[in-house]
N, C-alpha and C. Protein backbone atom coordinates (compact mmCIF):
# COMPACT_ATOMS: atom_id res chain seq x y z
N UNK A 1 87.67 31.38 91.42
CA UNK A 1 86.31 31.73 91.64
C UNK A 1 86.13 32.93 92.46
N UNK A 2 85.25 33.77 91.97
CA UNK A 2 85.14 34.95 93.00
C UNK A 2 84.41 34.55 94.17
N UNK A 3 84.94 35.40 95.19
CA UNK A 3 84.44 35.12 96.65
C UNK A 3 82.81 35.36 96.57
N UNK A 4 82.13 34.66 96.97
CA UNK A 4 80.52 34.99 97.05
C UNK A 4 80.47 36.11 97.92
N UNK A 5 80.92 36.36 98.80
CA UNK A 5 80.82 37.59 99.68
C UNK A 5 80.95 38.82 98.83
N UNK A 6 81.88 38.84 97.78
CA UNK A 6 82.00 40.04 96.98
C UNK A 6 81.23 39.92 95.78
N UNK A 7 80.23 39.04 95.57
CA UNK A 7 79.31 38.99 94.34
C UNK A 7 78.83 40.39 93.93
N UNK A 8 78.21 41.13 95.04
CA UNK A 8 77.52 42.30 94.53
C UNK A 8 78.51 43.52 94.57
N UNK A 9 79.83 43.34 94.91
CA UNK A 9 80.76 44.40 94.74
C UNK A 9 80.96 44.84 93.32
N UNK A 10 81.40 46.05 93.10
CA UNK A 10 81.73 46.53 91.83
C UNK A 10 83.09 45.86 91.31
N UNK A 11 83.33 45.58 89.98
CA UNK A 11 84.49 45.16 89.50
C UNK A 11 85.62 46.12 89.72
N UNK A 12 86.67 45.74 90.49
CA UNK A 12 87.76 46.87 91.06
C UNK A 12 89.04 46.67 90.08
N UNK A 13 89.39 47.81 89.42
CA UNK A 13 90.49 47.87 88.73
C UNK A 13 91.56 48.68 89.17
N UNK A 14 92.72 48.59 89.23
CA UNK A 14 93.88 49.27 89.84
C UNK A 14 94.83 49.55 88.40
N UNK A 15 94.89 51.03 88.06
CA UNK A 15 95.77 51.42 86.75
C UNK A 15 97.21 51.79 87.59
N UNK A 16 98.13 51.25 87.12
CA UNK A 16 99.31 51.50 87.65
C UNK A 16 100.42 52.04 86.57
N UNK A 17 101.24 53.03 86.95
CA UNK A 17 102.07 53.59 86.07
C UNK A 17 103.34 54.06 87.05
N UNK A 18 104.40 54.56 86.36
CA UNK A 18 105.53 54.94 87.45
C UNK A 18 105.13 56.14 88.13
N UNK A 19 104.81 57.25 87.57
CA UNK A 19 104.72 58.61 88.23
C UNK A 19 103.26 58.62 88.80
N UNK A 20 102.31 58.20 88.24
CA UNK A 20 100.86 58.38 88.69
C UNK A 20 100.56 59.78 88.70
N UNK A 21 100.80 60.43 87.38
CA UNK A 21 100.35 61.87 87.11
C UNK A 21 99.68 62.12 86.15
N UNK A 22 99.68 61.03 85.14
CA UNK A 22 98.99 61.36 84.06
C UNK A 22 98.20 60.25 83.31
N UNK A 23 98.85 59.20 82.75
CA UNK A 23 97.89 58.14 82.09
C UNK A 23 97.19 57.17 83.09
N UNK A 24 97.83 56.88 84.26
CA UNK A 24 97.08 55.97 85.14
C UNK A 24 95.94 56.96 85.74
N UNK A 25 96.10 58.24 86.10
CA UNK A 25 95.26 59.17 86.60
C UNK A 25 94.05 59.53 85.48
N UNK A 26 94.38 59.62 84.26
CA UNK A 26 93.42 59.64 83.29
C UNK A 26 92.66 58.51 83.23
N UNK A 27 93.05 57.31 83.23
CA UNK A 27 92.36 55.88 83.31
C UNK A 27 91.47 55.71 84.46
N UNK A 28 91.80 56.17 85.72
CA UNK A 28 91.08 56.17 86.77
C UNK A 28 89.68 56.88 86.61
N UNK A 29 90.10 58.23 86.06
CA UNK A 29 88.97 59.18 85.95
C UNK A 29 87.94 58.64 85.02
N UNK A 30 88.38 58.08 83.82
CA UNK A 30 87.66 57.70 82.76
C UNK A 30 86.69 56.45 83.06
N UNK A 31 87.32 55.60 83.60
CA UNK A 31 86.69 54.31 84.09
C UNK A 31 85.74 54.56 85.13
N UNK A 32 85.94 55.50 86.21
CA UNK A 32 85.02 55.80 87.10
C UNK A 32 83.64 56.65 86.71
N UNK A 33 83.93 57.31 85.44
CA UNK A 33 82.87 58.14 84.78
C UNK A 33 81.99 57.08 83.83
N UNK A 34 82.59 56.23 83.24
CA UNK A 34 81.78 55.51 82.27
C UNK A 34 81.32 54.14 82.82
N UNK A 35 82.20 53.58 83.98
CA UNK A 35 81.99 52.21 84.32
C UNK A 35 80.97 52.00 85.55
N UNK A 36 80.86 53.18 86.28
CA UNK A 36 79.87 52.99 87.50
C UNK A 36 78.63 52.65 87.15
N UNK A 37 77.78 51.77 87.81
CA UNK A 37 78.24 51.32 89.05
C UNK A 37 78.98 49.96 88.99
N UNK A 38 78.95 49.36 88.06
CA UNK A 38 79.53 47.90 87.87
C UNK A 38 81.13 48.01 87.93
N UNK A 39 81.85 49.17 87.64
CA UNK A 39 83.23 49.02 87.83
C UNK A 39 83.72 50.27 88.68
N UNK A 40 84.78 50.09 89.38
CA UNK A 40 85.37 51.09 90.29
C UNK A 40 86.93 51.06 90.09
N UNK A 41 87.47 52.10 89.58
CA UNK A 41 88.82 52.41 89.38
C UNK A 41 89.44 53.25 90.56
N UNK A 42 90.82 52.63 90.56
CA UNK A 42 91.95 53.57 91.47
C UNK A 42 93.23 53.36 90.49
N UNK A 43 94.00 54.25 90.94
CA UNK A 43 95.47 54.32 90.28
C UNK A 43 96.50 54.56 91.38
N UNK A 44 97.72 54.09 90.84
CA UNK A 44 98.70 54.53 91.81
C UNK A 44 100.00 54.35 90.87
N UNK A 45 101.16 54.62 91.71
CA UNK A 45 102.47 54.63 90.93
C UNK A 45 103.55 53.94 91.86
N UNK A 46 104.59 53.44 91.14
CA UNK A 46 105.57 52.89 91.69
C UNK A 46 106.50 53.87 92.20
N UNK A 47 106.64 54.99 91.82
CA UNK A 47 107.42 56.14 92.00
C UNK A 47 106.53 57.32 91.87
N UNK A 48 105.56 57.68 92.69
CA UNK A 48 104.61 58.71 92.29
C UNK A 48 105.25 59.93 92.40
N UNK A 49 105.02 60.92 91.55
CA UNK A 49 105.38 62.30 91.28
C UNK A 49 104.95 63.15 92.70
N UNK A 50 103.91 62.77 93.31
CA UNK A 50 103.40 63.58 94.32
C UNK A 50 102.08 64.62 93.91
N UNK A 51 102.16 64.74 92.67
CA UNK A 51 100.99 65.71 92.22
C UNK A 51 100.59 65.25 90.71
N UNK A 52 99.34 65.58 90.43
CA UNK A 52 98.83 65.23 89.19
C UNK A 52 99.27 66.34 88.31
N UNK A 53 99.69 65.73 87.19
CA UNK A 53 100.27 66.81 86.04
C UNK A 53 99.11 67.95 85.88
N UNK A 54 99.61 69.15 85.82
CA UNK A 54 98.42 70.26 85.42
C UNK A 54 97.78 70.03 84.43
N UNK A 55 98.16 69.43 83.27
CA UNK A 55 97.60 69.26 81.88
C UNK A 55 96.75 68.22 81.99
N UNK A 56 96.86 67.03 82.76
CA UNK A 56 95.94 66.18 83.10
C UNK A 56 94.67 66.60 83.52
N UNK A 57 94.67 67.53 84.67
CA UNK A 57 93.72 68.07 85.43
C UNK A 57 92.86 69.05 84.39
N UNK A 58 93.65 69.89 83.75
CA UNK A 58 93.08 70.67 82.71
C UNK A 58 92.19 70.00 81.65
N UNK A 59 92.76 69.00 81.16
CA UNK A 59 92.08 68.24 80.20
C UNK A 59 90.95 67.57 80.56
N UNK A 60 91.00 66.85 81.68
CA UNK A 60 89.93 66.24 82.30
C UNK A 60 88.79 67.16 82.79
N UNK A 61 89.11 68.12 83.36
CA UNK A 61 88.23 69.19 83.57
C UNK A 61 87.32 69.63 82.49
N UNK A 62 88.21 70.13 81.28
CA UNK A 62 87.41 70.53 79.95
C UNK A 62 86.65 69.49 79.56
N UNK A 63 86.80 68.24 79.79
CA UNK A 63 85.84 66.97 79.27
C UNK A 63 84.66 66.53 80.24
N UNK A 64 84.67 67.43 81.31
CA UNK A 64 83.71 67.10 82.23
C UNK A 64 83.84 66.02 83.23
N UNK A 65 85.02 65.68 83.63
CA UNK A 65 85.45 64.59 84.59
C UNK A 65 85.64 65.32 85.94
N UNK A 66 85.19 64.57 86.99
CA UNK A 66 85.33 65.06 88.19
C UNK A 66 86.92 64.69 88.76
N UNK A 67 87.50 65.83 88.94
CA UNK A 67 88.92 65.71 89.50
C UNK A 67 89.21 65.93 90.77
N UNK A 68 88.21 66.13 91.67
CA UNK A 68 88.25 66.42 93.03
C UNK A 68 88.97 65.42 93.82
N UNK A 69 88.91 64.16 93.56
CA UNK A 69 89.53 63.10 94.42
C UNK A 69 90.79 62.61 93.83
N UNK A 70 91.31 63.08 92.52
CA UNK A 70 92.38 62.52 91.99
C UNK A 70 93.67 63.14 92.55
N UNK A 71 94.52 62.05 93.04
CA UNK A 71 95.80 62.70 93.39
C UNK A 71 97.00 61.57 93.24
N UNK A 72 98.01 61.92 93.15
CA UNK A 72 99.23 61.12 92.93
C UNK A 72 99.59 60.23 93.97
N UNK A 73 99.64 59.08 93.97
CA UNK A 73 99.82 58.08 95.22
C UNK A 73 100.79 56.90 94.96
N UNK A 74 101.21 56.24 95.94
CA UNK A 74 101.99 55.14 95.75
C UNK A 74 101.32 53.95 95.75
N UNK A 75 101.40 52.76 95.14
CA UNK A 75 100.92 51.57 95.05
C UNK A 75 100.99 50.73 96.46
N UNK A 76 101.82 51.33 97.35
CA UNK A 76 102.05 50.82 98.66
C UNK A 76 100.66 50.92 99.42
N UNK A 77 99.85 51.99 99.01
CA UNK A 77 98.64 52.16 99.43
C UNK A 77 97.65 51.09 99.60
N UNK A 78 97.97 50.25 98.37
CA UNK A 78 97.00 49.04 98.24
C UNK A 78 97.69 47.85 98.60
N UNK A 79 98.63 47.57 99.04
CA UNK A 79 99.32 46.46 99.21
C UNK A 79 98.82 45.47 100.30
N UNK A 80 98.14 46.16 101.30
CA UNK A 80 97.80 45.47 102.51
C UNK A 80 96.41 44.78 102.45
N UNK A 81 95.36 45.62 102.18
CA UNK A 81 94.05 45.14 102.23
C UNK A 81 93.14 45.20 101.25
N UNK A 82 93.57 46.01 100.05
CA UNK A 82 92.61 46.44 99.01
C UNK A 82 92.68 45.14 98.09
N UNK A 83 91.40 44.86 97.75
CA UNK A 83 91.43 43.89 96.66
C UNK A 83 90.94 44.18 95.30
N UNK A 84 91.60 43.83 94.24
CA UNK A 84 91.45 44.22 93.13
C UNK A 84 91.06 42.86 92.04
N UNK A 85 90.20 43.05 91.08
CA UNK A 85 89.85 42.12 90.15
C UNK A 85 90.89 42.13 89.11
N UNK A 86 91.51 43.38 88.68
CA UNK A 86 92.33 43.40 87.53
C UNK A 86 93.26 44.48 87.79
N UNK A 87 94.64 44.31 87.58
CA UNK A 87 95.66 45.49 87.43
C UNK A 87 96.08 45.68 86.13
N UNK A 88 96.03 46.89 85.83
CA UNK A 88 96.42 47.15 84.34
C UNK A 88 97.57 48.32 84.33
N UNK A 89 98.90 47.98 83.94
CA UNK A 89 100.00 48.59 84.00
C UNK A 89 99.66 49.49 82.59
N UNK A 90 99.82 50.77 82.54
CA UNK A 90 99.82 51.57 81.20
C UNK A 90 101.16 52.35 80.77
N UNK A 91 102.10 51.90 81.36
CA UNK A 91 103.52 52.19 80.85
C UNK A 91 104.53 51.13 80.97
N UNK A 92 105.25 51.02 80.19
CA UNK A 92 106.32 49.97 80.26
C UNK A 92 107.16 49.84 81.40
N UNK A 93 107.59 51.04 81.90
CA UNK A 93 108.44 50.95 83.30
C UNK A 93 107.66 50.20 84.28
N UNK A 94 106.54 50.64 84.46
CA UNK A 94 105.76 49.84 85.51
C UNK A 94 105.41 48.33 85.21
N UNK A 95 105.42 48.03 83.86
CA UNK A 95 105.10 46.66 83.54
C UNK A 95 106.24 45.73 83.97
N UNK A 96 107.34 46.29 83.96
CA UNK A 96 108.75 45.53 84.28
C UNK A 96 108.75 45.70 85.73
N UNK A 97 108.28 46.36 86.34
CA UNK A 97 108.74 46.47 87.90
C UNK A 97 107.97 45.42 88.71
N UNK A 98 108.48 44.84 89.66
CA UNK A 98 107.87 43.89 90.76
C UNK A 98 106.90 44.67 91.43
N UNK A 99 105.50 44.41 91.28
CA UNK A 99 104.56 45.19 92.09
C UNK A 99 104.35 44.45 93.43
N UNK A 100 104.07 45.29 94.30
CA UNK A 100 103.77 44.84 95.69
C UNK A 100 102.78 43.67 95.80
N UNK A 101 102.86 42.90 97.00
CA UNK A 101 101.68 41.96 96.94
C UNK A 101 100.26 42.59 97.23
N UNK A 102 99.54 42.18 96.30
CA UNK A 102 98.00 42.64 96.29
C UNK A 102 97.16 41.66 96.94
N UNK A 103 96.40 41.78 97.75
CA UNK A 103 95.32 40.64 98.25
C UNK A 103 94.68 40.25 97.11
N UNK A 104 94.21 38.94 97.27
CA UNK A 104 93.43 38.00 96.15
C UNK A 104 94.42 37.77 95.07
N UNK A 105 93.81 37.43 93.84
CA UNK A 105 94.58 37.06 92.80
C UNK A 105 93.97 37.61 91.48
N UNK A 106 94.49 38.94 91.41
CA UNK A 106 93.93 39.83 90.35
C UNK A 106 94.40 39.47 89.06
N UNK A 107 93.69 39.56 87.93
CA UNK A 107 94.04 39.43 86.70
C UNK A 107 95.20 40.60 86.33
N UNK A 108 96.02 40.31 85.32
CA UNK A 108 97.00 41.43 84.87
C UNK A 108 96.87 41.73 83.51
N UNK A 109 96.98 42.84 83.13
CA UNK A 109 96.97 43.24 81.77
C UNK A 109 97.91 44.48 81.64
N UNK A 110 98.70 44.59 80.42
CA UNK A 110 99.28 45.80 79.88
C UNK A 110 98.92 46.50 78.79
N UNK A 111 98.85 47.72 78.99
CA UNK A 111 98.46 48.84 77.81
C UNK A 111 99.80 49.51 77.56
N UNK A 112 100.49 49.61 76.53
CA UNK A 112 101.56 50.34 76.03
C UNK A 112 101.05 51.80 75.70
N UNK A 113 100.91 52.69 76.62
CA UNK A 113 100.27 54.08 76.20
C UNK A 113 101.36 55.01 76.43
N UNK A 114 101.75 55.94 75.31
CA UNK A 114 102.68 56.90 75.28
C UNK A 114 102.49 57.81 76.59
N UNK A 115 103.66 58.19 77.02
CA UNK A 115 103.59 59.36 78.08
C UNK A 115 103.50 60.59 77.54
N UNK A 116 102.18 61.54 77.79
CA UNK A 116 102.04 62.71 77.27
C UNK A 116 102.86 63.79 77.88
N UNK A 117 103.38 63.54 79.07
CA UNK A 117 104.12 64.42 79.87
C UNK A 117 105.53 64.61 79.28
N UNK A 118 105.88 63.61 78.37
CA UNK A 118 107.29 63.67 77.76
C UNK A 118 107.11 64.44 76.23
N UNK A 119 105.90 64.81 76.02
CA UNK A 119 105.94 65.59 74.75
C UNK A 119 106.49 67.05 74.76
N UNK A 120 107.02 67.49 73.69
CA UNK A 120 107.70 68.92 73.89
C UNK A 120 107.28 69.58 72.67
N UNK A 121 107.72 70.81 72.60
CA UNK A 121 107.26 71.85 71.53
C UNK A 121 106.19 72.68 72.19
N UNK A 122 105.48 73.54 71.11
CA UNK A 122 104.47 74.40 71.63
C UNK A 122 103.58 73.85 72.51
N UNK A 123 102.80 74.74 73.17
CA UNK A 123 101.81 74.28 74.17
C UNK A 123 100.66 73.67 73.42
N UNK A 124 100.43 73.92 72.27
CA UNK A 124 99.30 73.11 71.38
C UNK A 124 99.69 71.67 71.12
N UNK A 125 100.94 71.45 70.89
CA UNK A 125 101.39 70.09 70.70
C UNK A 125 101.52 69.28 72.08
N UNK A 126 101.90 69.86 73.11
CA UNK A 126 101.76 69.25 74.46
C UNK A 126 100.32 68.93 74.76
N UNK A 127 99.25 69.79 74.48
CA UNK A 127 97.97 69.70 74.63
C UNK A 127 97.41 68.41 73.82
N UNK A 128 97.90 68.52 72.63
CA UNK A 128 97.52 67.39 71.59
C UNK A 128 97.82 66.10 72.31
N UNK A 129 99.17 65.87 72.74
CA UNK A 129 99.53 64.60 73.31
C UNK A 129 98.71 64.13 74.43
N UNK A 130 98.42 64.97 75.24
CA UNK A 130 97.39 64.56 76.44
C UNK A 130 96.15 64.22 75.80
N UNK A 131 95.67 64.82 74.90
CA UNK A 131 94.24 64.59 74.22
C UNK A 131 94.43 63.14 73.74
N UNK A 132 95.37 62.84 72.93
CA UNK A 132 95.75 61.63 72.36
C UNK A 132 95.74 60.52 73.32
N UNK A 133 96.62 60.59 74.28
CA UNK A 133 96.48 59.84 75.34
C UNK A 133 95.12 59.36 76.00
N UNK A 134 94.35 60.59 76.22
CA UNK A 134 92.86 60.31 76.70
C UNK A 134 92.14 59.55 75.85
N UNK A 135 92.30 59.86 74.61
CA UNK A 135 91.54 59.00 73.65
C UNK A 135 91.92 57.51 73.58
N UNK A 136 93.34 57.40 73.66
CA UNK A 136 93.45 56.08 73.51
C UNK A 136 93.00 55.25 74.69
N UNK A 137 93.07 55.84 75.77
CA UNK A 137 92.72 55.26 77.07
C UNK A 137 91.22 55.06 77.17
N UNK A 138 90.62 55.94 76.50
CA UNK A 138 89.02 55.94 76.36
C UNK A 138 88.39 54.71 75.58
N UNK A 139 89.12 54.59 74.41
CA UNK A 139 88.94 53.48 73.55
C UNK A 139 89.08 52.20 74.21
N UNK A 140 90.21 52.01 75.02
CA UNK A 140 90.49 50.66 75.61
C UNK A 140 89.50 50.48 76.77
N UNK A 141 89.19 51.76 77.49
CA UNK A 141 88.59 51.33 78.55
C UNK A 141 86.97 51.06 78.27
N UNK A 142 86.40 51.51 77.29
CA UNK A 142 85.05 51.20 76.61
C UNK A 142 84.99 49.71 76.30
N UNK A 143 86.11 49.30 75.71
CA UNK A 143 86.27 47.90 75.34
C UNK A 143 86.24 46.96 76.75
N UNK A 144 86.97 47.60 77.83
CA UNK A 144 87.05 46.90 78.96
C UNK A 144 85.88 46.88 79.79
N UNK A 145 84.92 47.86 79.61
CA UNK A 145 83.55 47.96 80.36
C UNK A 145 82.64 46.97 79.63
N UNK A 146 82.94 47.03 78.19
CA UNK A 146 81.76 45.97 77.64
C UNK A 146 82.26 44.52 77.91
N UNK A 147 83.53 44.31 78.05
CA UNK A 147 83.96 42.94 78.49
C UNK A 147 83.57 42.60 79.88
N UNK A 148 83.66 43.50 80.82
CA UNK A 148 83.04 43.39 82.17
C UNK A 148 81.72 43.07 82.30
N UNK A 149 80.83 43.75 81.36
CA UNK A 149 79.44 43.56 81.41
C UNK A 149 79.01 42.15 80.85
N UNK A 150 79.93 41.68 79.88
CA UNK A 150 79.71 40.38 79.32
C UNK A 150 80.11 39.16 80.20
N UNK A 151 81.32 39.48 80.65
CA UNK A 151 82.15 38.38 81.25
C UNK A 151 82.93 38.66 82.74
N UNK A 152 82.09 39.68 83.37
CA UNK A 152 82.64 39.95 84.52
C UNK A 152 83.01 38.81 85.44
N UNK A 153 82.24 37.77 85.61
CA UNK A 153 82.63 36.84 86.63
C UNK A 153 83.70 36.13 85.92
N UNK A 154 83.90 35.91 84.62
CA UNK A 154 85.14 35.25 84.21
C UNK A 154 86.47 35.85 84.37
N UNK A 155 86.42 37.24 84.33
CA UNK A 155 87.53 38.15 84.60
C UNK A 155 87.95 38.06 86.02
N UNK A 156 87.04 37.75 87.00
CA UNK A 156 87.27 37.73 88.35
C UNK A 156 87.68 36.36 88.90
N UNK A 157 87.86 35.29 88.07
CA UNK A 157 88.20 34.00 88.54
C UNK A 157 89.69 34.09 88.88
């Protein structure tokens, strides 16, 4: 059961990937844009790259997302006190890794999303890979927001 003291808090989601430079960053930006005020997203990596992929920033900005607070960070930043209702891994590497202890008992989910930064070829193909990843995440996140709206309390148990 959700802590009554948190009943008015937004539903908190942590998106996790290995590098925290593309997929998890996109997911954080998308959910924070379409899910507020009911949902709040963060992202982290098990081995963060230290910088957001430039193509991620370019795409998000071209689509009207605020990128001013996005940064590549370690999941260790959230291991002590942050409380999440849901942790979503967006790459297979992170799904298989042992996550640090996260306060509370968040639900866990895995989305197998291809890594757009692994795309090769001309610039247009690389841009298309990032856009495809964005669109896949947007589709899943819209469904997640609908689910939280209907059954937010159930997801928090």
